[in-house]
Amino acid sequence: MIINKKATLLVLALLGAGMVEAQCSKEHLYCDKGKDKNFQISNQSKSASFGPGEEHEMSMILYSGLAYRISFCTSSEEFEGKIEFELYTMKSKQVYDPKNDRETYVREPEVLYRNREDNMNQVIEFQADGTKKIYLKVFVPEGASEGGKKNKLAAADVVCVGVLVQHMKGTNTGFH
């Protein structure tokens, strides 16, 4: 009898986790799409469930000649406008390896943008200067502060975060 109760609880827990993931799968479609109707939704858009204080990364390919708009949204009003993110690339750097007595290369992140340094802006627009792979690190804080009081999510709570990636043909500048 105890085994049946444990099995039932396990099944319910797995179903609940699956339902949260299913509910989060389209969160990016609720993000701010902006006023420019030329932007099209990219299939690189993603949604995920985050626990309090969790950080996740995703990669995406930027294509030369395209302008991009990336916006963030969340299923929780408490965290709306408080999602932290940064865009970065990986750069190769030559370093000396004393163990093998030779020069070698290591890859290090080069941060392109941090929204925490830009008033926690939840939308960024830019134009790709070439085709390249970039990375996006997304962080959900443990609790949002409002009026000097800190609210915390319970350990079992999750919040859905949407990353809406849009693109359109970029503007050519200079003489052609």
N, C-alpha and C. Protein backbone atom coordinates (compact mmCIF):
# COMPACT_ATOMS: atom_id res chain seq x y z
N MET A 1 0.82 -1.20 0.00
CA MET A 1 0.00 0.00 0.00
C MET A 1 0.86 1.26 0.00
N ILE A 2 1.95 1.26 0.79
CA ILE A 2 2.84 2.42 0.84
C ILE A 2 3.50 2.62 -0.51
N ILE A 3 3.87 1.52 -1.18
CA ILE A 3 4.50 1.61 -2.50
C ILE A 3 3.53 2.25 -3.49
N ASN A 4 2.25 1.89 -3.45
CA ASN A 4 1.27 2.48 -4.35
C ASN A 4 1.12 3.97 -4.11
N LYS A 5 1.14 4.40 -2.85
CA LYS A 5 1.03 5.83 -2.54
C LYS A 5 2.24 6.58 -3.06
N LYS A 6 3.44 6.00 -2.88
CA LYS A 6 4.67 6.64 -3.37
C LYS A 6 4.65 6.73 -4.90
N ALA A 7 4.22 5.65 -5.54
CA ALA A 7 4.15 5.64 -7.00
C ALA A 7 3.15 6.68 -7.50
N THR A 8 2.02 6.79 -6.81
CA THR A 8 1.00 7.78 -7.19
C THR A 8 1.54 9.19 -7.03
N LEU A 9 2.24 9.45 -5.92
CA LEU A 9 2.82 10.79 -5.71
C LEU A 9 3.87 11.10 -6.77
N LEU A 10 4.69 10.11 -7.12
CA LEU A 10 5.71 10.31 -8.15
C LEU A 10 5.07 10.63 -9.49
N VAL A 11 4.03 9.89 -9.87
CA VAL A 11 3.34 10.15 -11.13
C VAL A 11 2.72 11.54 -11.13
N LEU A 12 2.09 11.94 -10.03
CA LEU A 12 1.50 13.29 -9.94
C LEU A 12 2.56 14.37 -10.05
N ALA A 13 3.70 14.15 -9.40
CA ALA A 13 4.79 15.14 -9.48
C ALA A 13 5.31 15.26 -10.90
N LEU A 14 5.49 14.13 -11.59
CA LEU A 14 5.96 14.17 -12.98
C LEU A 14 4.94 14.82 -13.90
N LEU A 15 3.67 14.53 -13.68
CA LEU A 15 2.62 15.16 -14.49
C LEU A 15 2.61 16.67 -14.27
N GLY A 16 2.77 17.09 -13.02
CA GLY A 16 2.80 18.52 -12.71
C GLY A 16 3.97 19.21 -13.38
N ALA A 17 5.15 18.57 -13.35
CA ALA A 17 6.32 19.15 -14.00
C ALA A 17 6.11 19.23 -15.50
N GLY A 18 5.49 18.20 -16.08
CA GLY A 18 5.20 18.21 -17.51
C GLY A 18 4.21 19.29 -17.88
N MET A 19 3.21 19.52 -17.02
CA MET A 19 2.21 20.56 -17.29
C MET A 19 2.85 21.94 -17.24
N VAL A 20 3.77 22.16 -16.28
CA VAL A 20 4.46 23.46 -16.20
C VAL A 20 5.26 23.68 -17.47
N GLU A 21 6.00 22.65 -17.90
CA GLU A 21 6.80 22.78 -19.12
C GLU A 21 5.91 23.06 -20.32
N ALA A 22 4.78 22.38 -20.42
CA ALA A 22 3.86 22.60 -21.53
C ALA A 22 3.28 24.01 -21.50
N GLN A 23 2.97 24.51 -20.30
CA GLN A 23 2.43 25.86 -20.17
C GLN A 23 3.47 26.89 -20.58
N CYS A 24 4.73 26.59 -20.35
CA CYS A 24 5.80 27.55 -20.66
C CYS A 24 6.24 27.50 -22.12
N SER A 25 5.82 26.52 -22.88
CA SER A 25 6.37 26.32 -24.22
C SER A 25 6.07 27.46 -25.19
N LYS A 26 5.07 28.27 -24.93
CA LYS A 26 4.70 29.35 -25.85
C LYS A 26 4.76 30.73 -25.20
N GLU A 27 5.42 30.85 -24.06
CA GLU A 27 5.47 32.12 -23.32
C GLU A 27 6.02 33.25 -24.19
N HIS A 28 6.99 32.95 -25.07
CA HIS A 28 7.60 33.99 -25.91
C HIS A 28 6.58 34.68 -26.82
N LEU A 29 5.48 34.02 -27.11
CA LEU A 29 4.47 34.63 -27.98
C LEU A 29 3.72 35.76 -27.28
N TYR A 30 3.87 35.87 -25.96
CA TYR A 30 3.23 36.95 -25.19
C TYR A 30 4.15 38.15 -24.99
N CYS A 31 5.39 38.06 -25.45
CA CYS A 31 6.34 39.16 -25.28
C CYS A 31 5.96 40.34 -26.19
N ASP A 32 6.45 41.50 -25.84
CA ASP A 32 6.22 42.73 -26.61
C ASP A 32 6.80 42.56 -28.01
N LYS A 33 5.95 42.68 -29.01
CA LYS A 33 6.38 42.53 -30.40
C LYS A 33 6.79 43.85 -31.05
N GLY A 34 6.62 44.94 -30.35
CA GLY A 34 7.00 46.24 -30.89
C GLY A 34 6.01 46.74 -31.92
N LYS A 35 6.26 47.96 -32.39
CA LYS A 35 5.34 48.60 -33.34
C LYS A 35 5.71 48.36 -34.80
N ASP A 36 6.98 48.03 -35.06
CA ASP A 36 7.43 47.84 -36.43
C ASP A 36 6.96 46.49 -36.95
N LYS A 37 6.01 46.49 -37.85
CA LYS A 37 5.42 45.26 -38.38
C LYS A 37 6.34 44.53 -39.35
N ASN A 38 7.49 45.14 -39.71
CA ASN A 38 8.43 44.46 -40.59
C ASN A 38 9.20 43.35 -39.88
N PHE A 39 9.26 43.43 -38.55
CA PHE A 39 9.93 42.37 -37.79
C PHE A 39 9.09 41.09 -37.85
N GLN A 40 9.75 39.98 -38.14
CA GLN A 40 9.09 38.68 -38.18
C GLN A 40 9.60 37.83 -37.02
N ILE A 41 8.73 36.99 -36.48
CA ILE A 41 9.12 36.13 -35.37
C ILE A 41 10.06 35.04 -35.89
N SER A 42 11.19 34.90 -35.24
CA SER A 42 12.20 33.91 -35.62
C SER A 42 11.92 32.58 -34.91
N ASN A 43 12.28 31.49 -35.58
CA ASN A 43 12.15 30.18 -34.95
C ASN A 43 13.22 29.96 -33.88
N GLN A 44 14.09 30.95 -33.67
CA GLN A 44 15.08 30.88 -32.60
C GLN A 44 14.50 31.36 -31.26
N SER A 45 13.25 31.82 -31.27
CA SER A 45 12.58 32.23 -30.03
C SER A 45 12.42 31.01 -29.13
N LYS A 46 12.48 31.24 -27.83
CA LYS A 46 12.39 30.13 -26.88
C LYS A 46 11.59 30.54 -25.65
N SER A 47 11.07 29.53 -24.96
CA SER A 47 10.41 29.70 -23.67
C SER A 47 10.92 28.60 -22.75
N ALA A 48 11.03 28.92 -21.46
CA ALA A 48 11.52 27.92 -20.50
C ALA A 48 10.97 28.23 -19.13
N SER A 49 10.98 27.21 -18.28
CA SER A 49 10.59 27.41 -16.89
C SER A 49 11.86 27.60 -16.07
N PHE A 50 11.82 28.55 -15.16
CA PHE A 50 12.95 28.88 -14.29
C PHE A 50 12.52 28.75 -12.84
N GLY A 51 13.39 28.25 -12.02
CA GLY A 51 13.20 28.30 -10.58
C GLY A 51 13.80 29.60 -10.07
N PRO A 52 13.52 29.96 -8.82
CA PRO A 52 14.07 31.20 -8.28
C PRO A 52 15.60 31.16 -8.26
N GLY A 53 16.22 32.21 -8.78
CA GLY A 53 17.67 32.30 -8.80
C GLY A 53 18.35 31.50 -9.89
N GLU A 54 17.59 30.91 -10.81
CA GLU A 54 18.20 30.09 -11.86
C GLU A 54 18.68 30.92 -13.04
N GLU A 55 19.69 30.37 -13.70
CA GLU A 55 20.27 30.99 -14.88
C GLU A 55 20.34 29.92 -15.97
N HIS A 56 19.97 30.30 -17.19
CA HIS A 56 20.05 29.38 -18.33
C HIS A 56 20.70 30.12 -19.50
N GLU A 57 21.29 29.35 -20.39
CA GLU A 57 21.91 29.92 -21.57
C GLU A 57 21.32 29.30 -22.82
N MET A 58 21.32 30.08 -23.87
CA MET A 58 20.92 29.58 -25.19
C MET A 58 21.83 30.21 -26.22
N SER A 59 21.96 29.56 -27.35
CA SER A 59 22.76 30.13 -28.43
C SER A 59 21.84 30.43 -29.60
N MET A 60 22.29 31.32 -30.44
CA MET A 60 21.54 31.65 -31.65
C MET A 60 22.51 32.12 -32.72
N ILE A 61 22.08 32.02 -33.94
CA ILE A 61 22.89 32.46 -35.08
C ILE A 61 22.32 33.78 -35.58
N LEU A 62 23.20 34.77 -35.69
CA LEU A 62 22.84 36.05 -36.31
C LEU A 62 23.31 35.99 -37.76
N TYR A 63 22.49 36.51 -38.65
CA TYR A 63 22.82 36.49 -40.06
C TYR A 63 23.12 37.90 -40.55
N SER A 64 24.17 38.00 -41.34
CA SER A 64 24.61 39.27 -41.89
C SER A 64 23.47 39.96 -42.64
N GLY A 65 23.34 41.26 -42.42
CA GLY A 65 22.34 42.05 -43.13
C GLY A 65 20.96 42.05 -42.49
N LEU A 66 20.80 41.37 -41.36
CA LEU A 66 19.50 41.36 -40.69
C LEU A 66 19.55 42.20 -39.42
N ALA A 67 18.44 42.87 -39.16
CA ALA A 67 18.27 43.59 -37.90
C ALA A 67 17.52 42.67 -36.96
N TYR A 68 17.85 42.74 -35.68
CA TYR A 68 17.23 41.86 -34.68
C TYR A 68 16.59 42.66 -33.57
N ARG A 69 15.56 42.07 -33.04
CA ARG A 69 14.87 42.61 -31.86
C ARG A 69 14.64 41.43 -30.93
N ILE A 70 15.17 41.52 -29.71
CA ILE A 70 14.99 40.45 -28.73
C ILE A 70 14.27 41.05 -27.53
N SER A 71 13.17 40.42 -27.14
CA SER A 71 12.42 40.92 -25.98
C SER A 71 12.15 39.76 -25.02
N PHE A 72 11.98 40.12 -23.76
CA PHE A 72 11.81 39.15 -22.68
C PHE A 72 10.50 39.39 -21.98
N CYS A 73 9.85 38.33 -21.56
CA CYS A 73 8.63 38.45 -20.78
C CYS A 73 8.53 37.26 -19.84
N THR A 74 7.65 37.37 -18.88
CA THR A 74 7.50 36.33 -17.88
C THR A 74 6.03 36.15 -17.52
N SER A 75 5.70 34.97 -17.05
CA SER A 75 4.33 34.66 -16.66
C SER A 75 3.97 35.27 -15.30
N SER A 76 4.95 35.79 -14.59
CA SER A 76 4.73 36.32 -13.25
C SER A 76 4.87 37.84 -13.24
N GLU A 77 3.82 38.53 -12.82
CA GLU A 77 3.88 39.99 -12.73
C GLU A 77 5.00 40.44 -11.80
N GLU A 78 5.28 39.63 -10.78
CA GLU A 78 6.31 39.97 -9.81
C GLU A 78 7.68 40.12 -10.48
N PHE A 79 7.92 39.36 -11.56
CA PHE A 79 9.21 39.37 -12.22
C PHE A 79 9.22 40.12 -13.54
N GLU A 80 8.08 40.65 -13.94
CA GLU A 80 8.01 41.40 -15.20
C GLU A 80 8.95 42.60 -15.11
N GLY A 81 9.83 42.72 -16.08
CA GLY A 81 10.79 43.83 -16.10
C GLY A 81 12.02 43.61 -15.24
N LYS A 82 12.14 42.44 -14.62
CA LYS A 82 13.27 42.18 -13.72
C LYS A 82 14.17 41.03 -14.20
N ILE A 83 13.92 40.54 -15.40
CA ILE A 83 14.75 39.47 -15.96
C ILE A 83 16.09 40.06 -16.38
N GLU A 84 17.17 39.47 -15.91
CA GLU A 84 18.51 39.92 -16.30
C GLU A 84 18.99 39.07 -17.47
N PHE A 85 19.68 39.71 -18.41
CA PHE A 85 20.24 38.95 -19.52
C PHE A 85 21.50 39.62 -20.03
N GLU A 86 22.32 38.82 -20.68
CA GLU A 86 23.49 39.37 -21.36
C GLU A 86 23.71 38.60 -22.65
N LEU A 87 24.19 39.33 -23.65
CA LEU A 87 24.57 38.76 -24.94
C LEU A 87 26.09 38.69 -24.98
N TYR A 88 26.64 37.58 -25.47
CA TYR A 88 28.08 37.49 -25.59
C TYR A 88 28.49 36.56 -26.73
N THR A 89 29.72 36.71 -27.16
CA THR A 89 30.32 35.81 -28.15
C THR A 89 31.48 35.11 -27.47
N MET A 90 31.99 34.09 -28.10
CA MET A 90 33.17 33.40 -27.60
C MET A 90 34.34 33.79 -28.50
N LYS A 91 35.37 34.32 -27.91
CA LYS A 91 36.57 34.73 -28.64
C LYS A 91 37.72 33.81 -28.29
N SER A 92 38.53 33.49 -29.29
CA SER A 92 39.74 32.70 -29.06
C SER A 92 40.87 33.63 -28.63
N LYS A 93 41.60 33.18 -27.64
CA LYS A 93 42.72 33.97 -27.11
C LYS A 93 43.94 33.07 -27.03
N GLN A 94 45.07 33.58 -27.51
CA GLN A 94 46.29 32.80 -27.47
C GLN A 94 46.94 32.96 -26.10
N VAL A 95 47.28 31.84 -25.47
CA VAL A 95 47.94 31.87 -24.16
C VAL A 95 49.09 30.87 -24.17
N TYR A 96 50.03 31.11 -23.28
CA TYR A 96 51.17 30.20 -23.15
C TYR A 96 50.82 29.08 -22.17
N ASP A 97 51.07 27.83 -22.57
CA ASP A 97 50.84 26.66 -21.72
C ASP A 97 52.19 26.17 -21.22
N PRO A 98 52.55 26.52 -19.95
CA PRO A 98 53.88 26.15 -19.43
C PRO A 98 54.06 24.63 -19.28
N LYS A 99 52.99 23.91 -19.07
CA LYS A 99 53.06 22.45 -18.90
C LYS A 99 53.57 21.78 -20.17
N ASN A 100 53.10 22.26 -21.32
CA ASN A 100 53.51 21.69 -22.60
C ASN A 100 54.53 22.56 -23.33
N ASP A 101 54.91 23.69 -22.70
CA ASP A 101 55.89 24.62 -23.25
C ASP A 101 55.55 25.04 -24.68
N ARG A 102 54.29 25.50 -24.86
CA ARG A 102 53.87 25.97 -26.18
C ARG A 102 52.68 26.92 -26.05
N GLU A 103 52.43 27.63 -27.13
CA GLU A 103 51.28 28.51 -27.20
C GLU A 103 50.04 27.67 -27.52
N THR A 104 48.92 28.03 -26.94
CA THR A 104 47.67 27.33 -27.20
C THR A 104 46.54 28.36 -27.22
N TYR A 105 45.38 27.94 -27.60
CA TYR A 105 44.23 28.84 -27.67
C TYR A 105 43.17 28.41 -26.67
N VAL A 106 42.56 29.39 -26.04
CA VAL A 106 41.42 29.15 -25.15
C VAL A 106 40.28 30.05 -25.61
N ARG A 107 39.06 29.60 -25.36
CA ARG A 107 37.88 30.41 -25.73
C ARG A 107 37.36 31.09 -24.47
N GLU A 108 37.16 32.39 -24.58
CA GLU A 108 36.65 33.18 -23.46
C GLU A 108 35.45 34.00 -23.92
N PRO A 109 34.49 34.21 -23.03
CA PRO A 109 33.33 35.03 -23.41
C PRO A 109 33.70 36.51 -23.53
N GLU A 110 33.13 37.16 -24.54
CA GLU A 110 33.25 38.61 -24.70
C GLU A 110 31.84 39.18 -24.65
N VAL A 111 31.52 39.88 -23.58
CA VAL A 111 30.17 40.40 -23.37
C VAL A 111 29.92 41.56 -24.33
N LEU A 112 28.79 41.47 -25.04
CA LEU A 112 28.38 42.51 -25.98
C LEU A 112 27.36 43.47 -25.34
N TYR A 113 26.54 42.94 -24.45
CA TYR A 113 25.47 43.75 -23.85
C TYR A 113 25.00 43.10 -22.55
N ARG A 114 24.78 43.94 -21.53
CA ARG A 114 24.18 43.52 -20.26
C ARG A 114 23.04 44.46 -19.95
N ASN A 115 21.84 43.93 -19.79
CA ASN A 115 20.71 44.84 -19.54
C ASN A 115 20.77 45.44 -18.14
N ARG A 116 21.48 44.81 -17.22
CA ARG A 116 21.58 45.38 -15.86
C ARG A 116 22.37 46.69 -15.90
N GLU A 117 23.17 46.90 -16.94
CA GLU A 117 23.91 48.15 -17.13
C GLU A 117 23.13 49.14 -17.98
N ASP A 118 21.90 48.78 -18.35
CA ASP A 118 21.05 49.61 -19.21
C ASP A 118 19.63 49.69 -18.63
N ASN A 119 19.56 49.98 -17.34
CA ASN A 119 18.26 50.20 -16.67
C ASN A 119 17.33 49.00 -16.76
N MET A 120 17.88 47.78 -16.79
CA MET A 120 17.11 46.52 -16.85
C MET A 120 16.16 46.48 -18.05
N ASN A 121 16.56 47.12 -19.14
CA ASN A 121 15.77 47.12 -20.36
C ASN A 121 15.44 45.68 -20.76
N GLN A 122 14.20 45.40 -21.11
CA GLN A 122 13.75 44.06 -21.47
C GLN A 122 13.68 43.85 -22.98
N VAL A 123 14.10 44.85 -23.74
CA VAL A 123 14.09 44.77 -25.21
C VAL A 123 15.40 45.34 -25.72
N ILE A 124 15.98 44.68 -26.70
CA ILE A 124 17.19 45.20 -27.35
C ILE A 124 17.02 45.04 -28.85
N GLU A 125 17.42 46.07 -29.59
CA GLU A 125 17.40 46.04 -31.06
C GLU A 125 18.81 46.32 -31.55
N PHE A 126 19.24 45.58 -32.57
CA PHE A 126 20.58 45.77 -33.12
C PHE A 126 20.64 45.15 -34.51
N GLN A 127 21.70 45.47 -35.23
CA GLN A 127 21.90 44.90 -36.56
C GLN A 127 23.15 44.04 -36.54
N ALA A 128 23.08 42.87 -37.14
CA ALA A 128 24.22 41.97 -37.21
C ALA A 128 25.25 42.53 -38.18
N ASP A 129 26.51 42.56 -37.75
CA ASP A 129 27.57 43.05 -38.63
C ASP A 129 28.25 41.92 -39.39
N GLY A 130 27.71 40.73 -39.27
CA GLY A 130 28.21 39.56 -39.97
C GLY A 130 27.49 38.34 -39.44
N THR A 131 27.61 37.24 -40.13
CA THR A 131 26.99 36.00 -39.65
C THR A 131 27.86 35.45 -38.54
N LYS A 132 27.25 35.20 -37.38
CA LYS A 132 28.01 34.69 -36.23
C LYS A 132 27.09 34.04 -35.22
N LYS A 133 27.69 33.24 -34.38
CA LYS A 133 26.97 32.60 -33.28
C LYS A 133 27.14 33.48 -32.04
N ILE A 134 26.02 33.77 -31.37
CA ILE A 134 26.09 34.49 -30.12
C ILE A 134 25.38 33.66 -29.05
N TYR A 135 25.61 34.04 -27.82
CA TYR A 135 25.02 33.35 -26.68
C TYR A 135 24.21 34.35 -25.87
N LEU A 136 23.18 33.84 -25.26
CA LEU A 136 22.29 34.65 -24.45
C LEU A 136 22.16 33.97 -23.10
N LYS A 137 22.57 34.67 -22.04
CA LYS A 137 22.45 34.16 -20.69
C LYS A 137 21.29 34.87 -20.02
N VAL A 138 20.35 34.12 -19.47
CA VAL A 138 19.13 34.67 -18.86
C VAL A 138 19.09 34.27 -17.39
N PHE A 139 18.79 35.23 -16.52
CA PHE A 139 18.77 34.99 -15.08
C PHE A 139 17.47 35.53 -14.48
N VAL A 140 16.81 34.69 -13.66
CA VAL A 140 15.62 35.11 -12.93
C VAL A 140 16.03 35.29 -11.47
N PRO A 141 15.82 36.48 -10.90
CA PRO A 141 16.23 36.70 -9.51
C PRO A 141 15.41 35.86 -8.53
N GLU A 142 15.91 35.72 -7.32
CA GLU A 142 15.20 34.94 -6.30
C GLU A 142 13.91 35.60 -5.87
N GLY A 143 13.90 36.89 -5.83
CA GLY A 143 12.70 37.61 -5.42
C GLY A 143 12.76 39.03 -5.93
N ALA A 144 11.62 39.58 -6.19
CA ALA A 144 11.56 40.96 -6.68
C ALA A 144 11.34 41.88 -5.49
N SER A 145 11.96 43.03 -5.52
CA SER A 145 11.79 43.99 -4.44
C SER A 145 10.77 45.04 -4.84
N GLU A 146 9.81 45.26 -3.98
CA GLU A 146 8.82 46.30 -4.23
C GLU A 146 8.54 47.00 -2.91
N GLY A 147 8.71 48.30 -2.88
CA GLY A 147 8.41 49.07 -1.68
C GLY A 147 9.27 48.67 -0.50
N GLY A 148 10.53 48.26 -0.76
CA GLY A 148 11.44 47.90 0.33
C GLY A 148 11.22 46.51 0.88
N LYS A 149 10.23 45.79 0.40
CA LYS A 149 9.98 44.45 0.92
C LYS A 149 10.30 43.44 -0.18
N LYS A 150 10.99 42.38 0.19
CA LYS A 150 11.42 41.38 -0.78
C LYS A 150 10.46 40.21 -0.78
N ASN A 151 9.94 39.91 -1.95
CA ASN A 151 9.07 38.74 -2.12
C ASN A 151 9.92 37.60 -2.63
N LYS A 152 9.68 36.41 -2.13
CA LYS A 152 10.44 35.25 -2.58
C LYS A 152 9.51 34.20 -3.14
N LEU A 153 9.96 33.57 -4.19
CA LEU A 153 9.22 32.42 -4.70
C LEU A 153 9.49 31.24 -3.78
N ALA A 154 8.52 30.43 -3.58
CA ALA A 154 8.74 29.19 -2.83
C ALA A 154 9.67 28.30 -3.64
N ALA A 155 10.38 27.42 -2.98
CA ALA A 155 11.37 26.57 -3.66
C ALA A 155 10.74 25.76 -4.79
N ALA A 156 9.49 25.38 -4.67
CA ALA A 156 8.85 24.55 -5.69
C ALA A 156 8.26 25.38 -6.82
N ASP A 157 8.17 26.69 -6.66
CA ASP A 157 7.56 27.55 -7.68
C ASP A 157 8.48 27.72 -8.88
N VAL A 158 7.87 27.90 -10.02
CA VAL A 158 8.61 28.20 -11.23
C VAL A 158 7.94 29.38 -11.92
N VAL A 159 8.72 30.04 -12.73
CA VAL A 159 8.19 31.14 -13.53
C VAL A 159 8.54 30.85 -14.99
N CYS A 160 7.61 31.10 -15.88
CA CYS A 160 7.86 30.92 -17.31
C CYS A 160 8.50 32.19 -17.86
N VAL A 161 9.55 32.02 -18.63
CA VAL A 161 10.25 33.14 -19.25
C VAL A 161 10.24 32.93 -20.75
N GLY A 162 9.84 33.97 -21.47
CA GLY A 162 9.86 33.93 -22.93
C GLY A 162 10.95 34.81 -23.48
N VAL A 163 11.65 34.33 -24.49
CA VAL A 163 12.66 35.10 -25.22
C VAL A 163 12.17 35.16 -26.66
N LEU A 164 11.64 36.32 -27.04
CA LEU A 164 11.11 36.50 -28.38
C LEU A 164 12.20 37.10 -29.27
N VAL A 165 12.60 36.36 -30.28
CA VAL A 165 13.61 36.82 -31.24
C VAL A 165 12.88 37.16 -32.53
N GLN A 166 13.07 38.40 -32.99
CA GLN A 166 12.48 38.84 -34.25
C GLN A 166 13.59 39.34 -35.16
N HIS A 167 13.34 39.29 -36.45
CA HIS A 167 14.34 39.77 -37.42
C HIS A 167 13.65 40.41 -38.61
N MET A 168 14.40 41.24 -39.29
CA MET A 168 13.94 41.83 -40.56
C MET A 168 15.19 42.23 -41.33
N LYS A 169 15.00 42.52 -42.60
CA LYS A 169 16.11 42.98 -43.41
C LYS A 169 16.64 44.27 -42.81
N GLY A 170 17.95 44.35 -42.65
CA GLY A 170 18.57 45.52 -42.03
C GLY A 170 18.68 46.69 -42.97
N THR A 171 19.04 47.81 -42.42
CA THR A 171 19.23 49.04 -43.19
C THR A 171 20.68 49.13 -43.63
N ASN A 172 20.88 49.28 -44.93
CA ASN A 172 22.25 49.48 -45.43
C ASN A 172 22.63 50.94 -45.25
N THR A 173 23.82 51.16 -44.73
CA THR A 173 24.30 52.52 -44.56
C THR A 173 25.56 52.71 -45.39
N GLY A 174 25.92 53.92 -45.67
CA GLY A 174 27.12 54.22 -46.44
C GLY A 174 26.82 54.27 -47.93
N PHE A 175 27.88 54.43 -48.73
CA PHE A 175 27.75 54.50 -50.18
C PHE A 175 27.74 53.10 -50.77
N HIS A 176 26.89 52.91 -51.77
CA HIS A 176 26.79 51.58 -52.41
C HIS A 176 26.96 51.71 -53.90
